[in-house]
N, C-alpha and C. Protein backbone atom coordinates (compact mmCIF):
# COMPACT_ATOMS: atom_id res chain seq x y z
N MET A 1 -33.03 4.89 22.54
CA MET A 1 -31.98 4.53 21.61
C MET A 1 -32.05 5.49 20.42
N ASN A 2 -30.91 6.05 20.05
CA ASN A 2 -30.90 6.95 18.90
C ASN A 2 -30.68 6.17 17.60
N ALA A 3 -30.73 6.87 16.48
CA ALA A 3 -30.63 6.21 15.17
C ALA A 3 -29.28 5.52 14.97
N THR A 4 -28.21 6.14 15.44
CA THR A 4 -26.88 5.54 15.29
C THR A 4 -26.78 4.24 16.09
N GLN A 5 -27.31 4.25 17.31
CA GLN A 5 -27.29 3.04 18.13
C GLN A 5 -28.14 1.94 17.50
N ALA A 6 -29.29 2.33 16.96
CA ALA A 6 -30.17 1.35 16.30
C ALA A 6 -29.49 0.74 15.09
N LEU A 7 -28.78 1.56 14.31
CA LEU A 7 -28.04 1.07 13.16
C LEU A 7 -26.97 0.07 13.60
N GLY A 8 -26.23 0.41 14.64
CA GLY A 8 -25.20 -0.49 15.16
C GLY A 8 -25.76 -1.79 15.66
N ARG A 9 -26.86 -1.72 16.37
CA ARG A 9 -27.50 -2.94 16.91
C ARG A 9 -27.98 -3.83 15.77
N TYR A 10 -28.55 -3.22 14.73
CA TYR A 10 -29.01 -3.97 13.56
C TYR A 10 -27.83 -4.68 12.89
N GLY A 11 -26.73 -3.95 12.71
CA GLY A 11 -25.54 -4.54 12.11
C GLY A 11 -24.98 -5.69 12.93
N GLU A 12 -24.96 -5.52 14.25
CA GLU A 12 -24.46 -6.59 15.12
C GLU A 12 -25.35 -7.83 15.05
N GLU A 13 -26.64 -7.63 14.90
CA GLU A 13 -27.55 -8.77 14.75
C GLU A 13 -27.27 -9.52 13.45
N LEU A 14 -27.09 -8.76 12.36
CA LEU A 14 -26.74 -9.39 11.08
C LEU A 14 -25.42 -10.15 11.18
N ALA A 15 -24.44 -9.54 11.82
CA ALA A 15 -23.12 -10.17 11.97
C ALA A 15 -23.21 -11.45 12.79
N ALA A 16 -23.94 -11.41 13.90
CA ALA A 16 -24.08 -12.60 14.74
C ALA A 16 -24.74 -13.73 13.97
N ARG A 17 -25.75 -13.40 13.19
CA ARG A 17 -26.41 -14.43 12.37
C ARG A 17 -25.42 -15.05 11.38
N ARG A 18 -24.64 -14.19 10.72
CA ARG A 18 -23.67 -14.69 9.73
C ARG A 18 -22.63 -15.59 10.39
N LEU A 19 -22.12 -15.16 11.55
CA LEU A 19 -21.12 -15.98 12.24
C LEU A 19 -21.70 -17.34 12.63
N THR A 20 -22.91 -17.35 13.12
CA THR A 20 -23.57 -18.60 13.50
C THR A 20 -23.77 -19.49 12.27
N GLU A 21 -24.20 -18.89 11.17
CA GLU A 21 -24.41 -19.65 9.93
C GLU A 21 -23.12 -20.28 9.41
N THR A 22 -21.98 -19.65 9.69
CA THR A 22 -20.71 -20.19 9.22
C THR A 22 -20.04 -21.10 10.24
N GLY A 23 -20.77 -21.45 11.30
CA GLY A 23 -20.28 -22.45 12.25
C GLY A 23 -19.64 -21.94 13.51
N LEU A 24 -19.59 -20.63 13.71
CA LEU A 24 -19.03 -20.11 14.95
C LEU A 24 -20.09 -20.17 16.05
N HIS A 25 -19.63 -20.29 17.28
CA HIS A 25 -20.52 -20.32 18.44
C HIS A 25 -20.37 -18.99 19.18
N ILE A 26 -21.46 -18.25 19.32
CA ILE A 26 -21.44 -16.95 20.00
C ILE A 26 -21.37 -17.18 21.51
N LEU A 27 -20.38 -16.58 22.15
CA LEU A 27 -20.21 -16.69 23.60
C LEU A 27 -20.73 -15.47 24.33
N ALA A 28 -20.60 -14.30 23.72
CA ALA A 28 -21.05 -13.05 24.37
C ALA A 28 -21.24 -11.98 23.30
N ARG A 29 -22.12 -11.04 23.63
CA ARG A 29 -22.34 -9.88 22.75
C ARG A 29 -22.31 -8.63 23.60
N ASN A 30 -21.70 -7.59 23.05
CA ASN A 30 -21.61 -6.29 23.71
C ASN A 30 -21.03 -6.41 25.12
N TRP A 31 -19.92 -7.15 25.22
CA TRP A 31 -19.25 -7.31 26.50
C TRP A 31 -18.40 -6.09 26.79
N ARG A 32 -18.68 -5.46 27.91
CA ARG A 32 -18.00 -4.22 28.27
C ARG A 32 -17.08 -4.46 29.46
N HIS A 33 -15.90 -3.84 29.39
CA HIS A 33 -14.93 -3.92 30.47
C HIS A 33 -14.60 -2.51 30.94
N GLY A 34 -15.36 -2.06 31.92
CA GLY A 34 -15.14 -0.73 32.49
C GLY A 34 -15.01 0.34 31.42
N ARG A 35 -13.99 1.16 31.55
CA ARG A 35 -13.75 2.23 30.58
C ARG A 35 -12.81 1.79 29.45
N THR A 36 -12.34 0.56 29.53
CA THR A 36 -11.40 0.06 28.52
C THR A 36 -12.06 -0.07 27.16
N GLY A 37 -13.32 -0.49 27.16
CA GLY A 37 -14.02 -0.62 25.89
C GLY A 37 -14.99 -1.77 25.86
N GLU A 38 -15.43 -2.08 24.67
CA GLU A 38 -16.46 -3.09 24.48
C GLU A 38 -16.07 -4.00 23.32
N ILE A 39 -16.40 -5.27 23.49
CA ILE A 39 -16.26 -6.23 22.40
C ILE A 39 -17.66 -6.46 21.85
N ASP A 40 -17.83 -6.25 20.54
CA ASP A 40 -19.15 -6.42 19.93
C ASP A 40 -19.61 -7.87 20.02
N ILE A 41 -18.75 -8.80 19.58
CA ILE A 41 -19.11 -10.22 19.62
C ILE A 41 -17.88 -11.03 20.03
N VAL A 42 -18.08 -11.92 21.00
CA VAL A 42 -17.06 -12.90 21.38
C VAL A 42 -17.60 -14.24 20.89
N ALA A 43 -16.79 -14.96 20.14
CA ALA A 43 -17.25 -16.23 19.58
C ALA A 43 -16.12 -17.27 19.64
N ARG A 44 -16.50 -18.50 19.38
CA ARG A 44 -15.52 -19.58 19.31
C ARG A 44 -15.59 -20.20 17.93
N ASP A 45 -14.43 -20.36 17.31
CA ASP A 45 -14.32 -21.02 16.01
C ASP A 45 -13.40 -22.21 16.22
N GLY A 46 -13.98 -23.36 16.51
CA GLY A 46 -13.18 -24.53 16.89
C GLY A 46 -12.49 -24.25 18.20
N ASP A 47 -11.16 -24.31 18.20
CA ASP A 47 -10.41 -24.03 19.43
C ASP A 47 -9.81 -22.62 19.45
N THR A 48 -10.37 -21.73 18.63
CA THR A 48 -9.90 -20.34 18.55
C THR A 48 -10.95 -19.40 19.13
N LEU A 49 -10.51 -18.47 19.97
CA LEU A 49 -11.39 -17.43 20.46
C LEU A 49 -11.41 -16.31 19.43
N VAL A 50 -12.60 -15.90 19.03
CA VAL A 50 -12.73 -14.86 18.00
C VAL A 50 -13.36 -13.62 18.63
N ILE A 51 -12.65 -12.51 18.51
CA ILE A 51 -13.14 -11.21 18.94
C ILE A 51 -13.56 -10.50 17.66
N CYS A 52 -14.83 -10.17 17.56
CA CYS A 52 -15.35 -9.63 16.31
C CYS A 52 -15.83 -8.19 16.50
N GLU A 53 -15.26 -7.32 15.71
CA GLU A 53 -15.67 -5.91 15.68
C GLU A 53 -16.62 -5.75 14.50
N VAL A 54 -17.75 -5.10 14.75
CA VAL A 54 -18.76 -4.92 13.71
C VAL A 54 -18.90 -3.43 13.44
N LYS A 55 -18.81 -3.06 12.17
CA LYS A 55 -18.99 -1.67 11.76
C LYS A 55 -20.07 -1.63 10.68
N THR A 56 -21.07 -0.80 10.90
CA THR A 56 -22.20 -0.69 9.97
C THR A 56 -22.31 0.74 9.49
N ARG A 57 -22.47 0.89 8.19
CA ARG A 57 -22.62 2.22 7.60
C ARG A 57 -23.74 2.19 6.57
N ARG A 58 -24.37 3.31 6.42
CA ARG A 58 -25.32 3.47 5.31
C ARG A 58 -24.52 3.82 4.06
N ILE A 59 -25.05 3.47 2.90
CA ILE A 59 -24.38 3.79 1.64
C ILE A 59 -24.15 5.29 1.56
N GLY A 60 -23.01 5.69 1.06
CA GLY A 60 -22.70 7.10 0.94
C GLY A 60 -22.04 7.69 2.17
N ALA A 61 -21.82 6.85 3.20
CA ALA A 61 -21.13 7.34 4.39
C ALA A 61 -19.70 7.73 4.01
N PHE A 62 -19.08 8.52 4.86
CA PHE A 62 -17.77 9.08 4.55
C PHE A 62 -16.72 8.01 4.24
N GLU A 63 -16.67 6.94 5.01
CA GLU A 63 -15.68 5.90 4.77
C GLU A 63 -16.33 4.52 4.82
N HIS A 64 -15.70 3.58 4.16
CA HIS A 64 -16.18 2.20 4.20
C HIS A 64 -15.98 1.69 5.63
N PRO A 65 -16.88 0.87 6.12
CA PRO A 65 -16.76 0.41 7.51
C PRO A 65 -15.45 -0.33 7.79
N MET A 66 -14.89 -0.99 6.79
CA MET A 66 -13.66 -1.74 7.01
C MET A 66 -12.47 -0.80 7.31
N ALA A 67 -12.57 0.45 6.91
CA ALA A 67 -11.49 1.41 7.14
C ALA A 67 -11.51 1.97 8.55
N ALA A 68 -12.55 1.67 9.30
CA ALA A 68 -12.72 2.27 10.62
C ALA A 68 -11.91 1.58 11.71
N VAL A 69 -11.33 0.43 11.42
CA VAL A 69 -10.57 -0.28 12.44
C VAL A 69 -9.07 -0.08 12.19
N THR A 70 -8.47 0.66 13.10
CA THR A 70 -7.06 1.03 13.00
C THR A 70 -6.19 0.03 13.78
N PRO A 71 -4.88 0.07 13.61
CA PRO A 71 -4.00 -0.77 14.43
C PRO A 71 -4.20 -0.53 15.93
N HIS A 72 -4.45 0.72 16.31
CA HIS A 72 -4.70 1.03 17.72
C HIS A 72 -5.96 0.30 18.21
N LYS A 73 -7.00 0.30 17.40
CA LYS A 73 -8.25 -0.38 17.76
C LYS A 73 -8.03 -1.88 17.88
N THR A 74 -7.29 -2.47 16.96
CA THR A 74 -7.06 -3.92 17.04
C THR A 74 -6.24 -4.27 18.28
N ALA A 75 -5.27 -3.42 18.64
CA ALA A 75 -4.49 -3.66 19.86
C ALA A 75 -5.40 -3.60 21.09
N ARG A 76 -6.33 -2.66 21.10
CA ARG A 76 -7.28 -2.56 22.21
C ARG A 76 -8.18 -3.79 22.27
N LEU A 77 -8.60 -4.30 21.12
CA LEU A 77 -9.43 -5.50 21.08
C LEU A 77 -8.68 -6.71 21.62
N LEU A 78 -7.39 -6.82 21.30
CA LEU A 78 -6.60 -7.92 21.85
C LEU A 78 -6.47 -7.80 23.37
N HIS A 79 -6.30 -6.58 23.85
CA HIS A 79 -6.26 -6.35 25.30
C HIS A 79 -7.61 -6.74 25.93
N LEU A 80 -8.70 -6.34 25.29
CA LEU A 80 -10.03 -6.70 25.80
C LEU A 80 -10.25 -8.21 25.79
N ALA A 81 -9.68 -8.91 24.80
CA ALA A 81 -9.78 -10.37 24.75
C ALA A 81 -9.14 -10.98 26.00
N ALA A 82 -7.96 -10.46 26.36
CA ALA A 82 -7.28 -10.95 27.57
C ALA A 82 -8.13 -10.66 28.81
N CYS A 83 -8.75 -9.48 28.86
CA CYS A 83 -9.63 -9.13 29.97
C CYS A 83 -10.83 -10.07 30.03
N TRP A 84 -11.40 -10.40 28.88
CA TRP A 84 -12.55 -11.31 28.83
C TRP A 84 -12.16 -12.68 29.35
N LEU A 85 -11.01 -13.20 28.90
CA LEU A 85 -10.54 -14.51 29.37
C LEU A 85 -10.36 -14.50 30.88
N ASP A 86 -9.74 -13.44 31.40
CA ASP A 86 -9.52 -13.32 32.84
C ASP A 86 -10.84 -13.21 33.59
N HIS A 87 -11.73 -12.36 33.11
CA HIS A 87 -13.01 -12.13 33.78
C HIS A 87 -13.88 -13.39 33.83
N THR A 88 -13.86 -14.15 32.76
CA THR A 88 -14.70 -15.36 32.70
C THR A 88 -14.00 -16.59 33.26
N GLY A 89 -12.71 -16.47 33.56
CA GLY A 89 -11.97 -17.62 34.07
C GLY A 89 -11.69 -18.66 33.00
N THR A 90 -11.77 -18.24 31.75
CA THR A 90 -11.54 -19.15 30.64
C THR A 90 -10.04 -19.26 30.38
N PRO A 91 -9.51 -20.49 30.31
CA PRO A 91 -8.08 -20.61 30.00
C PRO A 91 -7.81 -20.16 28.57
N PRO A 92 -6.59 -19.70 28.30
CA PRO A 92 -6.26 -19.31 26.93
C PRO A 92 -6.53 -20.47 25.97
N PRO A 93 -7.22 -20.21 24.87
CA PRO A 93 -7.58 -21.30 23.96
C PRO A 93 -6.37 -21.84 23.21
N ALA A 94 -6.42 -23.15 22.92
CA ALA A 94 -5.32 -23.80 22.20
C ALA A 94 -5.08 -23.15 20.85
N GLY A 95 -6.15 -22.70 20.21
CA GLY A 95 -6.03 -22.09 18.88
C GLY A 95 -5.71 -20.61 18.91
N GLY A 96 -5.54 -20.04 20.10
CA GLY A 96 -5.21 -18.63 20.22
C GLY A 96 -6.41 -17.71 20.09
N VAL A 97 -6.12 -16.45 19.92
CA VAL A 97 -7.14 -15.41 19.80
C VAL A 97 -7.02 -14.78 18.42
N ARG A 98 -8.15 -14.59 17.79
CA ARG A 98 -8.19 -13.98 16.46
C ARG A 98 -9.15 -12.80 16.50
N VAL A 99 -8.77 -11.71 15.84
CA VAL A 99 -9.66 -10.56 15.73
C VAL A 99 -10.20 -10.54 14.31
N ASP A 100 -11.53 -10.58 14.20
CA ASP A 100 -12.21 -10.48 12.92
C ASP A 100 -12.93 -9.15 12.83
N LEU A 101 -13.17 -8.73 11.63
CA LEU A 101 -13.93 -7.50 11.38
C LEU A 101 -15.06 -7.82 10.42
N ILE A 102 -16.25 -7.39 10.77
CA ILE A 102 -17.38 -7.50 9.86
C ILE A 102 -17.83 -6.09 9.54
N GLY A 103 -17.77 -5.77 8.25
CA GLY A 103 -18.23 -4.48 7.76
C GLY A 103 -19.54 -4.66 7.02
N ILE A 104 -20.50 -3.84 7.35
CA ILE A 104 -21.83 -3.94 6.73
C ILE A 104 -22.18 -2.59 6.12
N VAL A 105 -22.55 -2.63 4.84
CA VAL A 105 -23.00 -1.43 4.15
C VAL A 105 -24.47 -1.63 3.82
N LEU A 106 -25.28 -0.66 4.21
CA LEU A 106 -26.71 -0.72 3.95
C LEU A 106 -27.04 0.16 2.75
N PRO A 107 -27.41 -0.47 1.63
CA PRO A 107 -27.75 0.32 0.45
C PRO A 107 -29.12 0.98 0.61
N ARG A 108 -29.42 1.90 -0.26
CA ARG A 108 -30.74 2.55 -0.20
C ARG A 108 -31.84 1.53 -0.45
N ARG A 109 -31.57 0.57 -1.35
CA ARG A 109 -32.52 -0.51 -1.64
C ARG A 109 -31.76 -1.82 -1.67
N GLY A 110 -32.46 -2.87 -1.33
CA GLY A 110 -31.85 -4.19 -1.42
C GLY A 110 -31.22 -4.65 -0.12
N ALA A 111 -30.60 -5.79 -0.21
CA ALA A 111 -30.02 -6.44 0.97
C ALA A 111 -28.73 -5.78 1.41
N PRO A 112 -28.44 -5.84 2.71
CA PRO A 112 -27.17 -5.33 3.21
C PRO A 112 -26.01 -6.11 2.60
N VAL A 113 -24.88 -5.43 2.43
CA VAL A 113 -23.67 -6.06 1.92
C VAL A 113 -22.73 -6.27 3.10
N LEU A 114 -22.44 -7.52 3.39
CA LEU A 114 -21.64 -7.87 4.55
C LEU A 114 -20.28 -8.42 4.10
N THR A 115 -19.20 -7.89 4.67
CA THR A 115 -17.86 -8.35 4.39
C THR A 115 -17.24 -8.83 5.70
N HIS A 116 -16.73 -10.07 5.70
CA HIS A 116 -16.12 -10.64 6.90
C HIS A 116 -14.63 -10.84 6.65
N ALA A 117 -13.82 -10.07 7.34
CA ALA A 117 -12.36 -10.20 7.25
C ALA A 117 -11.88 -10.97 8.49
N ARG A 118 -11.34 -12.14 8.26
CA ARG A 118 -10.85 -12.97 9.36
C ARG A 118 -9.39 -12.66 9.66
N GLY A 119 -9.08 -12.63 10.95
CA GLY A 119 -7.69 -12.49 11.35
C GLY A 119 -7.04 -11.17 11.00
N VAL A 120 -7.73 -10.06 11.27
CA VAL A 120 -7.13 -8.76 11.00
C VAL A 120 -6.04 -8.44 12.05
N ALA A 121 -6.04 -9.19 13.13
CA ALA A 121 -4.99 -9.06 14.16
C ALA A 121 -4.86 -10.37 14.89
């Protein structure tokens, strides 16, 4: 595992903990669908399926992690959500599908700064 992968894995662990602490139930992590892509975290928030993209950056990185998710990326995540439902045989949830973004900035010192944006798509 290289440093970038380790940073991403660390951020995903922090994000999963935060989601669990706020009452979401984690259904899957790092779910991959062929060449279409990967969902970092699949969770349930009541009757809503939550597809969560996690972006982690060290302080001083070129862009804030929240800027890394474009409309194209959110459209792909919604497509992956449909693939996940089909693959797992899960019926579409009554509360629909929501795409969340968790951005994590790691300062040189101190605790990571985590931002959770709900319903970016």
